[in-house]
Protein backbone atom coordinates (compact mmCIF):
# COMPACT_ATOMS: atom_id res chain seq x y z
CA MET A 1 88.07 76.68 106.04
CA ASN A 2 86.59 73.42 104.80
CA SER A 3 87.39 70.22 106.62
CA PRO A 4 90.39 68.31 105.20
CA MET A 5 89.80 65.75 102.65
CA PRO A 6 90.65 62.25 103.76
CA VAL A 7 93.38 62.00 101.14
CA GLN A 8 96.01 59.57 102.08
CA ALA A 9 96.89 58.79 99.49
CA GLU A 10 89.28 96.73 83.33
CA PRO A 11 88.34 95.81 81.58
CA TRP A 12 90.08 94.21 78.75
CA THR A 13 88.99 96.57 75.97
CA SER A 14 92.24 98.71 76.38
CA THR A 15 95.32 97.59 74.52
CA SER A 16 97.61 99.96 76.37
CA SER A 17 100.32 98.28 78.50
CA VAL A 18 100.51 98.67 82.22
CA SER A 19 103.60 98.24 84.13
CA PRO A 20 103.66 94.84 85.80
CA PHE A 21 105.60 96.24 88.75
CA PRO A 22 103.51 99.23 89.81
CA PRO A 23 105.11 101.66 92.28
CA ALA A 24 101.65 102.15 93.86
CA ALA A 25 98.29 100.37 93.71
CA LEU A 26 96.00 100.97 90.91
CA PRO A 27 92.80 102.99 91.76
CA LEU A 28 90.06 100.62 92.66
CA ARG A 29 86.47 101.03 93.68
CA GLY A 30 85.34 99.49 96.82
CA PRO A 31 83.81 96.00 96.64
CA GLY A 32 80.23 97.22 96.65
CA PRO A 33 77.09 95.22 97.34
CA HIS A 34 78.14 92.15 95.35
CA ARG A 35 77.29 88.68 96.30
CA PRO A 36 79.98 86.01 95.72
CA VAL A 37 77.57 83.54 94.03
CA ALA A 38 76.21 86.15 91.82
CA ALA A 39 79.60 87.29 90.77
CA VAL A 40 80.66 83.84 90.00
CA SER A 41 77.69 83.31 87.77
CA PHE A 42 78.16 86.55 85.97
CA CYS A 43 81.78 85.76 85.26
CA VAL A 44 80.91 82.22 83.79
CA LEU A 45 78.00 83.57 81.68
CA HIS A 46 79.51 86.91 80.62
CA PRO A 47 83.22 86.56 80.04
CA PRO A 48 85.14 89.79 79.43
CA SER A 49 85.03 90.69 75.59
CA LEU A 50 88.22 91.33 73.75
CA PRO A 51 89.03 93.05 70.41
CA LEU A 52 90.32 90.78 67.64
CA ARG A 53 93.89 91.94 67.89
CA ARG A 54 93.81 91.33 71.63
CA VAL A 55 92.18 87.91 71.07
CA VAL A 56 95.14 86.81 68.73
CA ALA A 57 97.83 88.09 71.19
CA VAL A 58 96.03 86.55 74.18
CA THR A 59 95.74 83.21 72.34
CA GLY A 60 99.40 83.04 71.45
CA ASN A 61 100.41 83.97 74.91
CA SER A 62 98.13 81.44 76.50
CA ARG A 63 99.53 78.62 74.38
CA ALA A 64 103.10 79.53 75.09
CA ILE A 65 102.30 79.83 78.85
CA ARG A 66 100.50 76.54 78.80
CA LEU A 67 103.60 74.85 77.35
CA LEU A 68 105.74 76.55 79.99
CA ASP A 69 103.38 75.25 82.70
CA LEU A 70 103.49 71.68 81.45
CA PHE A 71 107.21 71.66 81.04
CA GLY A 72 107.89 73.54 84.33
CA ALA A 73 105.56 71.53 86.55
CA SER A 74 106.82 68.25 85.08
CA MET A 75 110.35 69.13 85.62
CA ALA A 76 109.71 70.46 89.14
CA LEU A 77 107.94 67.25 90.11
CA VAL A 78 110.86 65.20 88.91
CA LEU A 79 113.50 67.33 90.67
CA LEU A 80 111.55 67.90 93.84
CA ALA A 81 110.17 64.37 94.28
CA PRO A 82 112.71 63.52 97.11
CA ILE A 83 111.61 66.72 99.06
CA MET A 84 107.98 65.96 98.53
CA LEU A 85 108.40 62.48 99.83
CA ALA A 86 110.33 63.76 102.89
CA THR A 87 107.53 66.42 103.48
CA ALA A 88 104.79 63.78 103.19
CA LEU A 89 106.65 61.54 105.61
CA ALA A 90 107.04 64.44 108.10
CA VAL A 91 103.34 65.38 108.01
CA MET A 92 102.40 61.76 108.65
CA LEU A 93 104.74 61.20 111.56
CA LEU A 94 104.57 64.61 113.22
CA ASP A 95 100.86 65.52 112.77
CA PRO A 96 98.71 62.38 112.32
CA GLY A 97 95.75 62.98 110.04
CA PRO A 98 95.12 63.55 106.24
CA LEU A 99 98.18 64.15 104.35
CA LEU A 100 96.74 66.48 101.82
CA PHE A 101 94.24 69.30 102.21
CA ALA A 102 92.06 70.01 99.17
CA HIS A 103 90.43 73.24 99.46
CA THR A 104 87.69 74.53 96.99
CA ARG A 105 88.92 77.66 95.15
CA LEU A 106 87.70 79.58 92.13
CA GLY A 107 89.44 78.99 88.91
CA GLN A 108 89.26 80.29 85.47
CA GLY A 109 85.88 81.25 84.45
CA GLY A 110 84.78 81.26 88.08
CA ARG A 111 84.57 77.51 88.12
CA PRO A 112 85.48 75.86 91.39
CA PHE A 113 88.42 73.36 91.73
CA ARG A 114 90.14 71.53 94.47
CA CYS A 115 93.42 73.18 95.23
CA LEU A 116 95.95 70.75 96.77
CA LYS A 117 98.32 71.41 99.63
CA PHE A 118 100.21 69.40 102.14
CA ARG A 119 98.20 69.83 105.23
CA SER A 120 99.67 72.55 107.50
CA MET A 121 96.76 73.08 109.87
CA THR A 122 95.20 71.09 112.76
CA VAL A 123 92.34 68.71 111.96
CA ASP A 124 90.03 70.96 114.02
CA ALA A 125 91.06 74.18 112.13
CA ASP A 126 87.47 75.28 111.49
CA ALA A 127 86.47 75.20 115.11
CA ARG A 128 89.73 77.02 116.17
CA LEU A 129 89.23 79.83 113.62
CA ALA A 130 85.55 80.33 114.63
CA HIS A 131 86.37 80.49 118.27
CA LEU A 132 89.26 83.05 117.69
CA LEU A 133 86.97 85.39 115.47
CA GLU A 134 84.20 85.24 118.14
CA THR A 135 86.51 86.09 121.04
CA ASP A 136 89.28 88.37 119.60
CA ALA A 137 88.25 91.59 118.04
CA GLU A 138 91.75 92.44 116.78
CA ALA A 139 92.06 89.03 115.01
CA ARG A 140 88.61 89.41 113.58
CA ALA A 141 89.51 92.71 112.16
CA GLU A 142 92.72 91.40 110.74
CA TRP A 143 90.89 88.54 109.08
CA GLN A 144 88.23 90.73 107.51
CA ALA A 145 90.92 93.01 106.17
CA THR A 146 93.34 90.49 104.70
CA GLN A 147 91.76 86.93 105.03
CA LYS A 148 94.94 85.97 106.87
CA LEU A 149 96.27 86.07 110.48
CA ARG A 150 99.80 86.78 111.68
CA GLN A 151 99.16 84.64 114.69
CA ASP A 152 97.09 81.77 113.38
CA PRO A 153 96.22 79.19 116.03
CA ARG A 154 95.24 76.64 113.31
CA ILE A 155 98.71 76.22 111.96
CA THR A 156 100.81 73.39 113.43
CA PRO A 157 104.55 73.86 114.24
CA LEU A 158 105.45 71.82 111.22
CA GLY A 159 102.90 73.76 109.19
CA ARG A 160 104.62 77.09 109.94
CA PHE A 161 107.89 75.73 108.46
CA LEU A 162 106.02 74.41 105.45
CA ARG A 163 104.43 77.72 104.83
CA ARG A 164 107.70 79.75 105.31
CA SER A 165 109.42 77.53 102.90
CA CYS A 166 106.40 77.07 100.50
CA LEU A 167 106.77 73.37 100.75
CA ASP A 168 103.00 73.08 101.41
CA GLU A 169 102.30 74.43 97.97
CA LEU A 170 104.20 71.77 96.03
CA PRO A 171 101.20 69.43 95.47
CA GLN A 172 99.66 72.38 93.41
CA LEU A 173 102.12 71.19 90.66
CA PHE A 174 99.45 68.50 89.94
CA ASN A 175 96.81 71.16 89.70
CA VAL A 176 99.04 72.90 87.03
CA LEU A 177 99.29 69.57 85.07
CA ARG A 178 95.55 69.04 85.23
CA GLY A 179 94.97 72.67 83.94
CA ASP A 180 93.20 73.92 87.05
CA MET A 181 96.11 76.33 87.78
CA SER A 182 99.14 77.98 86.14
CA LEU A 183 102.64 78.33 87.54
CA VAL A 184 102.04 82.14 87.48
CA GLY A 185 98.77 83.89 88.12
CA PRO A 186 96.43 85.48 90.61
CA ARG A 187 96.40 83.80 94.08
CA PRO A 188 93.48 81.32 94.09
CA ILE A 189 90.60 82.66 96.07
CA VAL A 190 87.56 81.14 97.80
CA ALA A 191 83.93 82.14 96.68
CA GLY A 192 83.65 84.47 99.74
CA GLU A 193 86.48 86.65 98.43
CA ALA A 194 84.88 87.33 95.04
CA ALA A 195 83.00 90.43 96.36
CA ARG A 196 86.41 91.97 97.30
CA TYR A 197 87.22 92.18 93.58
CA GLY A 198 84.09 94.16 92.88
CA ARG A 199 83.75 95.09 89.20
CA HIS A 200 87.20 93.62 88.52
CA PHE A 201 86.22 90.03 89.43
CA SER A 202 85.83 89.23 85.66
CA VAL A 203 89.49 89.96 85.14
CA TYR A 204 90.27 87.39 87.86
CA CYS A 205 88.03 84.99 86.11
CA SER A 206 89.78 85.45 82.78
CA LEU A 207 93.00 83.91 84.16
CA LYS A 208 93.98 80.64 85.79
CA PRO A 209 95.12 81.17 89.32
CA GLY A 210 98.86 80.64 89.93
CA ILE A 211 101.27 78.97 92.41
CA THR A 212 103.08 82.12 92.41
CA GLY A 213 102.43 85.61 91.03
CA LEU A 214 103.19 89.28 90.87
CA TRP A 215 101.71 90.05 94.23
CA GLN A 216 103.73 87.28 95.94
CA VAL A 217 107.11 88.55 94.61
CA LYS A 218 106.53 92.32 94.80
CA ARG A 219 104.28 92.72 97.80
CA GLU A 220 105.21 94.56 101.01
CA ASP A 221 105.08 92.69 104.37
CA GLN A 222 101.39 93.72 105.15
CA THR A 223 100.07 94.34 101.74
CA SER A 224 96.31 95.22 101.85
CA TYR A 225 93.78 93.09 99.98
CA ARG A 226 93.05 96.22 97.81
CA ARG A 227 96.61 96.36 96.70
CA ARG A 228 96.66 92.60 96.09
CA VAL A 229 93.66 93.13 93.68
CA ALA A 230 95.75 95.90 92.04
CA PHE A 231 98.67 93.60 91.45
CA ASP A 232 96.25 91.10 89.82
CA LEU A 233 94.91 93.75 87.39
CA ALA A 234 98.41 94.81 86.44
CA TYR A 235 99.45 91.27 85.77
CA ALA A 236 96.35 90.58 83.73
CA ARG A 237 96.91 93.52 81.53
CA SER A 238 100.70 92.88 81.00
CA ARG A 239 100.55 88.99 80.91
CA SER A 240 102.99 87.32 78.64
CA LEU A 241 105.47 84.42 78.51
CA ALA A 242 108.33 86.77 79.29
CA LEU A 243 106.60 88.22 82.37
CA ASN A 244 105.79 84.78 83.66
CA VAL A 245 109.49 83.66 83.33
CA ARG A 246 110.60 86.83 85.16
CA ILE A 247 108.12 86.25 88.07
CA LEU A 248 109.27 82.61 88.29
CA LEU A 249 112.77 83.73 88.47
CA LEU A 250 111.93 86.29 91.13
CA THR A 251 110.02 83.65 93.09
CA VAL A 252 113.24 81.64 93.75
CA PRO A 253 115.12 84.14 95.85
CA CYS A 254 111.89 85.05 97.71
CA VAL A 255 111.42 81.48 98.77
CA LEU A 256 115.01 81.09 99.71
CA ARG A 257 114.72 84.25 101.87
CA GLY A 258 111.74 82.56 103.65
CA GLU A 259 109.31 85.37 102.53
CA GLY A 260 106.52 82.86 101.62
CA ALA A 261 106.35 83.93 97.94
CA CYS A 262 104.09 81.02 97.04
């Protein structure tokens, strides 16, 4: 994890539809000997090709989805402004340090951007993670498998609440307005995760990452990274305005149940 910013302040050639809610993960190859930097460069220089009919459909969907993003993010910022101000105040009072954490993630085309969150980790998060991975084999295996930890020593008590409630993700609404992200899409990844997508990384690059997505609302409690990639592929093949609206509606009960859908 990068140190906090001191902010105070399948190819696409098939036109067949794939169910956006797969009962089982799509078959995937292993990540193979890909290097993240090489994968990102390939994605930028060689975007996936599309037949003409698919280009027209994707262009229309993209415009409608962008309008949904602009409208939805703007309305959410207005309606959630009191909650965001209260969250910011709580972070400043209970855990002194930078208010926001801006982490470098990969966006559309493999281009990096600064993904905003309310800071939910300690200011020495990097050192804590490094020490844990060096001394705890079980935690190291869990991290290598999912890039997540069920018992994460970096997260503050307030941060645990922010993550369960998805309040830490609210600043990403500004990322949506800027065009770095969409309301719905694959979960934004760091460069080191690109190899996990293997030959499917170009599909990730063809989309904007989302605040929420198919994986977040349909996953099981301990979904593997492999299955997470499968959900991203299923979403990419079936992406539409209607599907995005459906995922946004499913996100609301997930958040209210504290399932960390964001």
